[in-house]
């Protein structure tokens, strides 16, 4: 890529608050959302779930004797809202329980069961009483008000894809945070090809299947009056990063792409990226890229950025976090800190405080990037640059004719 570039590398080691005693670390329950340290925006947050069927087949033709109703799509949407004064905000557990149309409910129940089992499995690895901790998790206050009326006006759209085996609450802290700042955020859960194969993998074919779900979701989203379709961003965590890039291949109207420790920059994932139908080295992209990830060797990751950087992006903003974990880029980075979940023994100098600070910096960077790209707010780029001036972050900017800031 023959573009002007500048690089700022900041010394290793996050500025972390001292570790607190166990009795002090547990945050008191309040009515504020569990992520309130991120500084919510001026809007209340609404949340609704839209159910619909896509025309693609869902039932196995080999065993099915009834008409195929079509592939089920569950579309979760966060948006700026005007809840009634008497309305109660959701709890975290509400994101893990779905009630939909009768023909969707068996599928909902199975997906919710898988999500609960996934959470309990993760907690069993870290705490002696996983069921008790899961109950505490479910009781955490969230920011969203279910089915609250939308604020009049139109707002930029951010489509987000969770990584392989992600749950319904994937990056919910980011979704609520962005909605509070005036964005509509939409997520479609990972879903395999049939009722007999609900889990989705990360092969090129399965990346395409998930991208097809988002194409179907976009049709439904066009029926909502509060979305500005002239300003669209896509993003994803882990294998969801390949889904985001695939959507940018398909939709030239996408203005920005966000990768959260995306697999397209890791050994293995880079092979998948190159096999996507739209991938051609040197392809001109209309969207700028914000790439946030672990440093080489953090949690044993092996980076390979050659394929993603071979695409001709107008600009690439890259933040590399020293000693970060893959889960820091998801809701886990915030939740594990809020609930004081202990680290495993082989933590490689990682702490919950560090994971929390990575999560906060990631969410802030995504907001400022979207404000700059989708709303053309000059002050947002200033805030973005300020947010990355932290120990433990290596920042690189390629393209756009930018100049290196003076130290």
Protein backbone atom coordinates (compact mmCIF):
# COMPACT_ATOMS: atom_id res chain seq x y z
CA UNK A 1 0.00 0.00 0.00
CA UNK A 2 1.77 3.17 -1.21
CA UNK A 3 0.27 5.73 1.13
CA UNK A 4 1.75 8.34 3.42
CA UNK A 5 1.87 7.04 6.95
CA UNK A 6 2.87 7.86 10.46
CA UNK A 7 3.32 5.77 13.51
CA UNK A 8 3.14 6.58 17.16
CA UNK A 9 4.26 3.90 19.58
CA UNK A 10 3.70 4.45 23.27
CA UNK A 11 5.66 2.63 25.95
CA UNK A 12 4.37 -0.70 27.22
CA UNK A 13 2.32 -1.13 30.39
CA UNK A 14 -1.13 0.30 31.12
CA UNK A 15 -1.51 2.84 33.90
CA UNK A 16 -3.53 0.61 36.19
CA UNK A 17 -5.08 1.50 39.51
CA UNK A 18 -3.67 -0.52 42.41
CA UNK A 19 -5.36 -3.83 43.06
CA UNK A 20 -8.03 -3.47 45.72
CA UNK A 21 -8.87 -5.85 48.53
CA UNK A 22 -11.58 -8.34 47.63
CA UNK A 23 -14.13 -6.66 49.88
CA UNK A 24 -13.51 -3.32 48.18
CA UNK A 25 -13.44 -4.56 44.61
CA UNK A 26 -17.10 -5.63 44.47
CA UNK A 27 -19.01 -2.68 43.03
CA UNK A 28 -22.24 -1.78 44.84
CA UNK A 29 -25.47 -2.39 42.91
CA UNK A 30 -26.95 0.87 41.63
CA UNK A 31 -29.55 1.88 39.08
CA UNK A 32 -26.79 3.03 36.74
CA UNK A 33 -25.86 0.65 33.90
CA UNK A 34 -22.97 -1.68 34.62
CA UNK A 35 -20.85 0.20 32.05
CA UNK A 36 -21.60 3.71 33.37
CA UNK A 37 -17.88 4.47 33.78
CA UNK A 38 -17.94 4.88 29.99
CA UNK A 39 -19.92 8.12 30.40
CA UNK A 40 -23.30 7.58 28.73
CA UNK A 41 -24.46 10.02 26.09
CA UNK A 42 -27.47 12.32 26.23
CA UNK A 43 -30.03 9.77 24.98
CA UNK A 44 -31.94 7.11 26.83
CA UNK A 45 -31.55 3.69 25.21
CA UNK A 46 -34.34 1.65 23.68
CA UNK A 47 -34.14 -2.05 22.82
CA UNK A 48 -36.38 -4.17 20.66
CA UNK A 49 -36.20 -7.56 18.98
CA UNK A 50 -37.53 -8.06 15.47
CA UNK A 51 -38.38 -11.58 14.27
CA UNK A 52 -38.79 -12.52 10.63
CA UNK A 53 -38.18 -15.36 8.19
CA UNK A 54 -35.81 -15.14 5.27
CA UNK A 55 -36.51 -17.01 2.03
CA UNK A 56 -33.43 -19.26 2.43
CA UNK A 57 -34.10 -22.88 3.44
CA UNK A 58 -34.00 -23.82 7.10
CA UNK A 59 -35.35 -27.36 7.40
CA UNK A 60 -33.37 -30.32 6.13
CA UNK A 61 -34.94 -31.56 2.87
CA UNK A 62 -33.80 -35.11 3.61
CA UNK A 63 -35.97 -35.43 6.74
CA UNK A 64 -38.60 -32.74 6.33
CA UNK A 65 -42.08 -33.43 4.96
CA UNK A 66 -43.67 -30.05 5.78
CA UNK A 67 -43.26 -26.74 3.92
CA UNK A 68 -40.06 -24.93 4.85
CA UNK A 69 -40.96 -21.67 6.67
CA UNK A 70 -37.59 -20.11 5.83
CA UNK A 71 -34.52 -19.28 7.84
CA UNK A 72 -35.36 -17.63 11.21
CA UNK A 73 -33.76 -14.25 11.86
CA UNK A 74 -33.71 -12.58 15.27
CA UNK A 75 -32.66 -8.96 14.94
CA UNK A 76 -31.71 -7.11 18.15
CA UNK A 77 -31.78 -3.32 17.88
CA UNK A 78 -30.60 -0.60 20.29
CA UNK A 79 -31.60 2.99 19.55
CA UNK A 80 -32.06 6.47 21.08
CA UNK A 81 -35.39 6.35 22.93
CA UNK A 82 -37.99 8.27 24.92
CA UNK A 83 -39.10 5.79 27.60
CA UNK A 84 -42.07 6.60 29.79
CA UNK A 85 -41.12 8.20 33.14
CA UNK A 86 -42.43 5.12 34.94
CA UNK A 87 -40.53 2.65 32.74
CA UNK A 88 -37.90 0.40 34.29
CA UNK A 89 -34.58 -0.24 32.61
CA UNK A 90 -33.68 -3.81 31.71
CA UNK A 91 -31.44 -6.09 33.71
CA UNK A 92 -28.54 -7.94 32.16
CA UNK A 93 -30.41 -11.24 32.36
CA UNK A 94 -33.11 -9.88 30.04
CA UNK A 95 -30.62 -10.17 27.19
CA UNK A 96 -30.41 -13.91 27.83
CA UNK A 97 -34.15 -14.59 27.71
CA UNK A 98 -36.26 -14.13 24.56
CA UNK A 99 -40.01 -14.32 24.01
CA UNK A 100 -41.04 -14.26 20.37
CA UNK A 101 -43.73 -15.53 18.03
CA UNK A 102 -44.92 -19.08 18.68
CA UNK A 103 -43.09 -20.54 15.68
CA UNK A 104 -39.85 -18.92 16.87
CA UNK A 105 -40.09 -19.87 20.53
CA UNK A 106 -38.63 -23.41 20.38
CA UNK A 107 -35.61 -21.95 18.59
CA UNK A 108 -35.44 -19.05 21.07
CA UNK A 109 -35.52 -21.48 23.99
CA UNK A 110 -32.69 -23.54 22.53
CA UNK A 111 -30.55 -20.50 21.77
CA UNK A 112 -31.15 -19.10 25.27
CA UNK A 113 -30.21 -22.45 26.77
CA UNK A 114 -26.96 -22.49 24.80
CA UNK A 115 -26.18 -18.96 26.00
CA UNK A 116 -26.83 -19.87 29.65
CA UNK A 117 -24.68 -22.99 29.36
CA UNK A 118 -21.92 -20.93 27.75
CA UNK A 119 -21.96 -18.39 30.58
CA UNK A 120 -21.99 -21.07 33.26
CA UNK A 121 -19.13 -22.88 31.55
CA UNK A 122 -17.04 -19.70 31.47
CA UNK A 123 -17.81 -18.92 35.11
CA UNK A 124 -17.01 -22.45 36.30
CA UNK A 125 -13.49 -21.95 35.01
CA UNK A 126 -12.98 -18.97 37.33
CA UNK A 127 -15.26 -19.07 40.41
CA UNK A 128 -16.26 -21.78 42.93
CA UNK A 129 -20.02 -21.11 42.68
CA UNK A 130 -20.86 -20.42 39.04
CA UNK A 131 -24.63 -20.51 39.58
CA UNK A 132 -24.46 -17.83 42.28
CA UNK A 133 -22.23 -15.60 40.16
CA UNK A 134 -24.53 -16.09 37.17
CA UNK A 135 -27.45 -14.88 39.29
CA UNK A 136 -25.44 -11.77 40.21
CA UNK A 137 -24.67 -11.22 36.53
CA UNK A 138 -28.32 -11.48 35.52
CA UNK A 139 -29.27 -8.87 38.14
CA UNK A 140 -26.83 -6.23 36.88
CA UNK A 141 -28.59 -3.04 35.76
CA UNK A 142 -28.51 -2.35 32.04
CA UNK A 143 -29.26 0.93 30.29
CA UNK A 144 -31.93 -0.13 27.80
CA UNK A 145 -35.71 0.15 28.04
CA UNK A 146 -37.49 -2.63 26.19
CA UNK A 147 -39.66 -1.45 23.26
CA UNK A 148 -39.41 2.20 24.33
CA UNK A 149 -40.60 4.76 21.73
CA UNK A 150 -37.80 5.95 19.47
CA UNK A 151 -36.56 9.53 19.54
CA UNK A 152 -37.75 11.46 16.45
CA UNK A 153 -35.12 11.90 13.79
CA UNK A 154 -32.62 9.68 11.99
CA UNK A 155 -29.40 8.25 13.38
CA UNK A 156 -26.37 6.47 11.89
CA UNK A 157 -26.46 2.66 11.77
CA UNK A 158 -23.83 0.30 13.19
CA UNK A 159 -24.16 -3.38 12.25
CA UNK A 160 -22.15 -5.59 14.60
CA UNK A 161 -21.27 -9.29 14.41
CA UNK A 162 -20.06 -11.25 17.42
CA UNK A 163 -17.32 -13.84 17.14
CA UNK A 164 -17.64 -17.59 16.85
CA UNK A 165 -19.93 -19.00 19.60
CA UNK A 166 -20.82 -15.48 20.76
CA UNK A 167 -23.93 -15.05 22.88
CA UNK A 168 -26.98 -12.80 22.56
CA UNK A 169 -25.26 -10.32 24.90
CA UNK A 170 -22.20 -9.99 22.65
CA UNK A 171 -20.65 -6.54 23.23
CA UNK A 172 -23.85 -5.29 24.83
CA UNK A 173 -21.86 -2.62 26.66
CA UNK A 174 -20.78 -1.19 23.31
CA UNK A 175 -24.30 -1.38 21.87
CA UNK A 176 -25.90 0.48 24.78
CA UNK A 177 -23.06 3.00 24.92
CA UNK A 178 -23.31 3.86 21.23
CA UNK A 179 -27.11 4.09 21.35
CA UNK A 180 -26.85 6.55 24.22
CA UNK A 181 -24.70 8.71 21.94
CA UNK A 182 -27.19 8.68 19.09
CA UNK A 183 -26.58 5.50 17.09
CA UNK A 184 -28.80 2.62 16.04
CA UNK A 185 -26.96 -0.65 16.70
CA UNK A 186 -28.17 -3.93 15.19
CA UNK A 187 -26.96 -7.47 15.90
CA UNK A 188 -28.01 -10.81 14.42
CA UNK A 189 -26.89 -13.85 16.46
CA UNK A 190 -24.59 -16.51 15.11
CA UNK A 191 -26.76 -19.28 13.64
CA UNK A 192 -25.88 -22.47 11.81
CA UNK A 193 -27.55 -23.76 8.66
CA UNK A 194 -30.37 -25.85 10.20
CA UNK A 195 -32.15 -26.80 13.45
CA UNK A 196 -29.86 -29.80 13.64
CA UNK A 197 -26.77 -27.57 13.36
CA UNK A 198 -27.43 -24.39 15.34
CA UNK A 199 -23.81 -23.45 15.97
CA UNK A 200 -21.97 -21.52 13.29
CA UNK A 201 -18.31 -22.02 12.47
CA UNK A 202 -15.85 -19.61 10.90
CA UNK A 203 -15.19 -21.11 7.46
CA UNK A 204 -15.55 -18.82 4.42
CA UNK A 205 -18.92 -20.46 3.64
CA UNK A 206 -20.18 -19.83 7.17
CA UNK A 207 -18.91 -16.25 7.15
CA UNK A 208 -20.95 -15.78 3.98
CA UNK A 209 -24.01 -17.37 5.60
CA UNK A 210 -23.85 -14.92 8.49
CA UNK A 211 -23.34 -12.00 6.10
CA UNK A 212 -26.46 -13.16 4.26
CA UNK A 213 -28.34 -12.85 7.57
CA UNK A 214 -27.25 -9.22 7.80
CA UNK A 215 -28.33 -8.59 4.22
CA UNK A 216 -31.78 -9.88 5.20
CA UNK A 217 -31.69 -7.74 8.34
CA UNK A 218 -30.92 -4.63 6.31
CA UNK A 219 -34.15 -5.10 4.38
CA UNK A 220 -36.07 -5.18 7.66
CA UNK A 221 -34.17 -2.21 9.07
CA UNK A 222 -35.26 -0.12 6.09
CA UNK A 223 -38.80 -0.30 7.47
CA UNK A 224 -37.72 1.64 10.58
CA UNK A 225 -38.04 5.44 10.35
CA UNK A 226 -35.16 6.39 12.67
CA UNK A 227 -32.15 5.15 10.65
CA UNK A 228 -29.94 7.30 8.42
CA UNK A 229 -28.87 4.87 5.72
CA UNK A 230 -26.46 7.39 4.25
CA UNK A 231 -24.20 6.76 7.23
CA UNK A 232 -23.54 3.06 7.91
CA UNK A 233 -20.71 1.32 9.74
CA UNK A 234 -20.09 -2.39 10.20
CA UNK A 235 -18.02 -4.10 12.85
CA UNK A 236 -17.23 -7.41 14.41
CA UNK A 237 -15.25 -9.21 17.08
CA UNK A 238 -13.01 -12.19 16.27
CA UNK A 239 -14.56 -14.06 13.29
CA UNK A 240 -17.19 -11.33 13.22
CA UNK A 241 -14.46 -9.13 11.79
CA UNK A 242 -14.51 -11.19 8.59
CA UNK A 243 -18.30 -10.77 8.47
CA UNK A 244 -17.85 -7.00 8.72
CA UNK A 245 -15.31 -6.96 5.88
CA UNK A 246 -17.57 -9.18 3.76
CA UNK A 247 -20.43 -6.73 4.30
CA UNK A 248 -18.14 -3.87 3.24
CA UNK A 249 -17.33 -5.85 0.08
CA UNK A 250 -21.04 -6.20 -0.69
CA UNK A 251 -22.20 -2.69 0.24
CA UNK A 252 -20.33 0.28 -1.18
CA UNK A 253 -22.46 2.59 0.99
CA UNK A 254 -20.65 1.38 4.13
CA UNK A 255 -18.59 4.31 5.46
CA UNK A 256 -16.57 2.62 8.20
CA UNK A 257 -15.39 -0.85 9.28
CA UNK A 258 -14.45 -1.72 12.87
CA UNK A 259 -12.52 -4.85 13.86
CA UNK A 260 -12.29 -5.84 17.53
CA UNK A 261 -9.40 -8.29 17.82
CA UNK A 262 -10.63 -9.54 14.47
CA UNK A 263 -9.47 -12.91 13.19
CA UNK A 264 -8.63 -11.46 9.77
CA UNK A 265 -5.36 -10.25 11.34
CA UNK A 266 -4.39 -13.57 12.92
CA UNK A 267 -2.90 -16.76 11.55
CA UNK A 268 -5.80 -18.94 10.42
CA UNK A 269 -8.23 -16.08 10.06
CA UNK A 270 -6.12 -14.47 7.37
CA UNK A 271 -6.64 -17.58 5.25
CA UNK A 272 -10.41 -17.24 5.63
CA UNK A 273 -10.29 -13.57 4.64
CA UNK A 274 -8.41 -14.34 1.43
CA UNK A 275 -11.02 -16.99 0.52
CA UNK A 276 -14.02 -14.66 0.81
CA UNK A 277 -15.62 -14.18 -2.64
CA UNK A 278 -15.08 -10.43 -2.67
CA UNK A 279 -11.45 -10.49 -1.61
CA UNK A 280 -8.88 -9.26 -4.12
CA UNK A 281 -5.52 -7.91 -3.01
CA UNK A 282 -5.42 -4.20 -3.81
CA UNK A 283 -9.21 -3.89 -3.99
CA UNK A 284 -10.36 -0.29 -3.49
CA UNK A 285 -12.48 0.04 -0.34
CA UNK A 286 -14.88 2.92 0.24
CA UNK A 287 -14.78 2.60 4.03
CA UNK A 288 -12.07 3.56 6.48
CA UNK A 289 -10.88 0.82 8.85
CA UNK A 290 -10.50 0.97 12.63
CA UNK A 291 -8.54 -2.10 13.71
CA UNK A 292 -8.15 -2.72 17.46
CA UNK A 293 -6.31 -5.80 18.67
CA UNK A 294 -3.95 -7.61 21.02
CA UNK A 295 -0.24 -7.20 20.56
CA UNK A 296 1.86 -9.98 19.08
CA UNK A 297 2.27 -12.71 21.71
CA UNK A 298 -0.47 -11.42 24.03
CA UNK A 299 -2.38 -14.53 25.09
CA UNK A 300 -0.09 -16.30 22.57
CA UNK A 301 -1.62 -14.62 19.52
CA UNK A 302 0.24 -14.74 16.19
CA UNK A 303 -0.55 -11.76 14.01
CA UNK A 304 -0.65 -11.61 10.22
CA UNK A 305 -1.94 -8.27 8.93
CA UNK A 306 -0.80 -8.71 5.35
CA UNK A 307 -4.20 -9.65 3.89
CA UNK A 308 -6.27 -6.93 5.55
CA UNK A 309 -3.64 -4.29 4.80
CA UNK A 310 -3.43 -5.42 1.15
CA UNK A 311 -6.92 -4.01 0.64
CA UNK A 312 -6.78 -0.37 -0.45
CA UNK A 313 -8.45 1.40 2.47
CA UNK A 314 -8.73 5.21 2.35
CA UNK A 315 -7.45 5.19 5.93
CA UNK A 316 -6.44 2.60 8.51
CA UNK A 317 -6.44 3.44 12.20
CA UNK A 318 -4.85 0.67 14.26
CA UNK A 319 -4.62 0.37 18.03
CA UNK A 320 -2.57 -2.53 19.41
CA UNK A 321 -2.94 -3.24 23.15
CA UNK A 322 -0.05 -4.74 25.06
CA UNK A 323 -0.88 -7.74 27.31
CA UNK A 324 -4.57 -7.68 26.32
CA UNK A 325 -6.81 -10.76 26.16
CA UNK A 326 -9.24 -11.67 23.38
CA UNK A 327 -12.19 -11.27 25.75
CA UNK A 328 -11.18 -7.73 26.73
CA UNK A 329 -12.64 -6.60 23.41
CA UNK A 330 -16.06 -7.99 24.37
CA UNK A 331 -18.53 -7.58 27.23
CA UNK A 332 -16.28 -9.91 29.27
CA UNK A 333 -13.65 -7.18 29.71
CA UNK A 334 -16.19 -5.01 31.51
CA UNK A 335 -18.23 -7.73 33.27
CA UNK A 336 -15.27 -9.61 34.74
CA UNK A 337 -14.01 -6.40 36.33
CA UNK A 338 -17.40 -5.25 37.62
CA UNK A 339 -18.03 -8.67 39.22
CA UNK A 340 -14.42 -9.07 40.43
CA UNK A 341 -14.06 -12.45 38.73
CA UNK A 342 -10.56 -13.77 39.51
CA UNK A 343 -7.99 -14.36 36.81
CA UNK A 344 -6.78 -17.89 36.00
CA UNK A 345 -3.36 -18.86 37.31
CA UNK A 346 -1.60 -18.61 33.92
CA UNK A 347 -2.68 -15.03 33.24
CA UNK A 348 0.59 -13.83 31.62
CA UNK A 349 0.60 -10.53 33.57
CA UNK A 350 -3.01 -9.82 32.59
CA UNK A 351 -5.32 -8.39 35.26
CA UNK A 352 -9.03 -7.64 35.41
CA UNK A 353 -8.19 -3.96 35.81
CA UNK A 354 -6.15 -4.07 32.60
CA UNK A 355 -8.95 -5.88 30.75
CA UNK A 356 -11.44 -3.29 31.94
CA UNK A 357 -9.27 -0.42 30.75
CA UNK A 358 -8.80 -2.07 27.37
CA UNK A 359 -12.59 -2.41 27.10
CA UNK A 360 -13.14 1.24 28.00
CA UNK A 361 -10.50 2.47 25.53
CA UNK A 362 -11.95 0.25 22.79
CA UNK A 363 -15.50 1.52 23.30
CA UNK A 364 -14.33 5.13 23.38
CA UNK A 365 -12.20 4.67 20.27
CA UNK A 366 -15.13 3.13 18.37
CA UNK A 367 -17.40 6.04 19.33
CA UNK A 368 -14.88 8.73 18.36
CA UNK A 369 -14.07 6.95 15.10
CA UNK A 370 -17.75 6.72 14.17
CA UNK A 371 -18.33 10.35 15.16
CA UNK A 372 -15.49 11.39 12.85
CA UNK A 373 -16.39 9.11 9.94
CA UNK A 374 -20.20 9.13 10.03
CA UNK A 375 -20.86 12.59 11.43
CA UNK A 376 -17.73 14.44 10.23
CA UNK A 377 -17.10 15.87 13.68
CA UNK A 378 -13.61 17.32 13.76
CA UNK A 379 -13.49 17.36 17.56
CA UNK A 380 -14.09 13.59 17.54
CA UNK A 381 -10.71 12.96 15.89
CA UNK A 382 -9.08 15.14 18.55
CA UNK A 383 -10.79 13.08 21.25
CA UNK A 384 -9.76 9.89 19.46
CA UNK A 385 -6.12 10.90 19.38
CA UNK A 386 -6.27 11.88 23.05
CA UNK A 387 -7.82 8.54 24.01
CA UNK A 388 -4.96 6.56 22.47
CA UNK A 389 -2.21 8.54 24.18
CA UNK A 390 -1.91 5.92 26.89
CA UNK A 391 0.86 3.58 27.98
CA UNK A 392 0.40 0.12 26.55
CA UNK A 393 -1.16 1.24 23.26
CA UNK A 394 0.68 1.28 19.95
CA UNK A 395 -1.14 3.54 17.48
CA UNK A 396 -0.69 3.56 13.71
CA UNK A 397 -2.46 5.67 11.12
CA UNK A 398 -2.08 5.02 7.38
CA UNK A 399 -3.49 7.23 4.64
CA UNK A 400 -5.62 10.36 4.63
CA UNK A 401 -2.71 12.77 4.38
CA UNK A 402 -2.45 13.06 8.15
CA UNK A 403 0.64 14.34 9.86
CA UNK A 404 2.22 12.95 12.97
CA UNK A 405 1.31 14.83 16.15
CA UNK A 406 4.08 16.65 17.96
CA UNK A 407 5.16 15.00 21.21
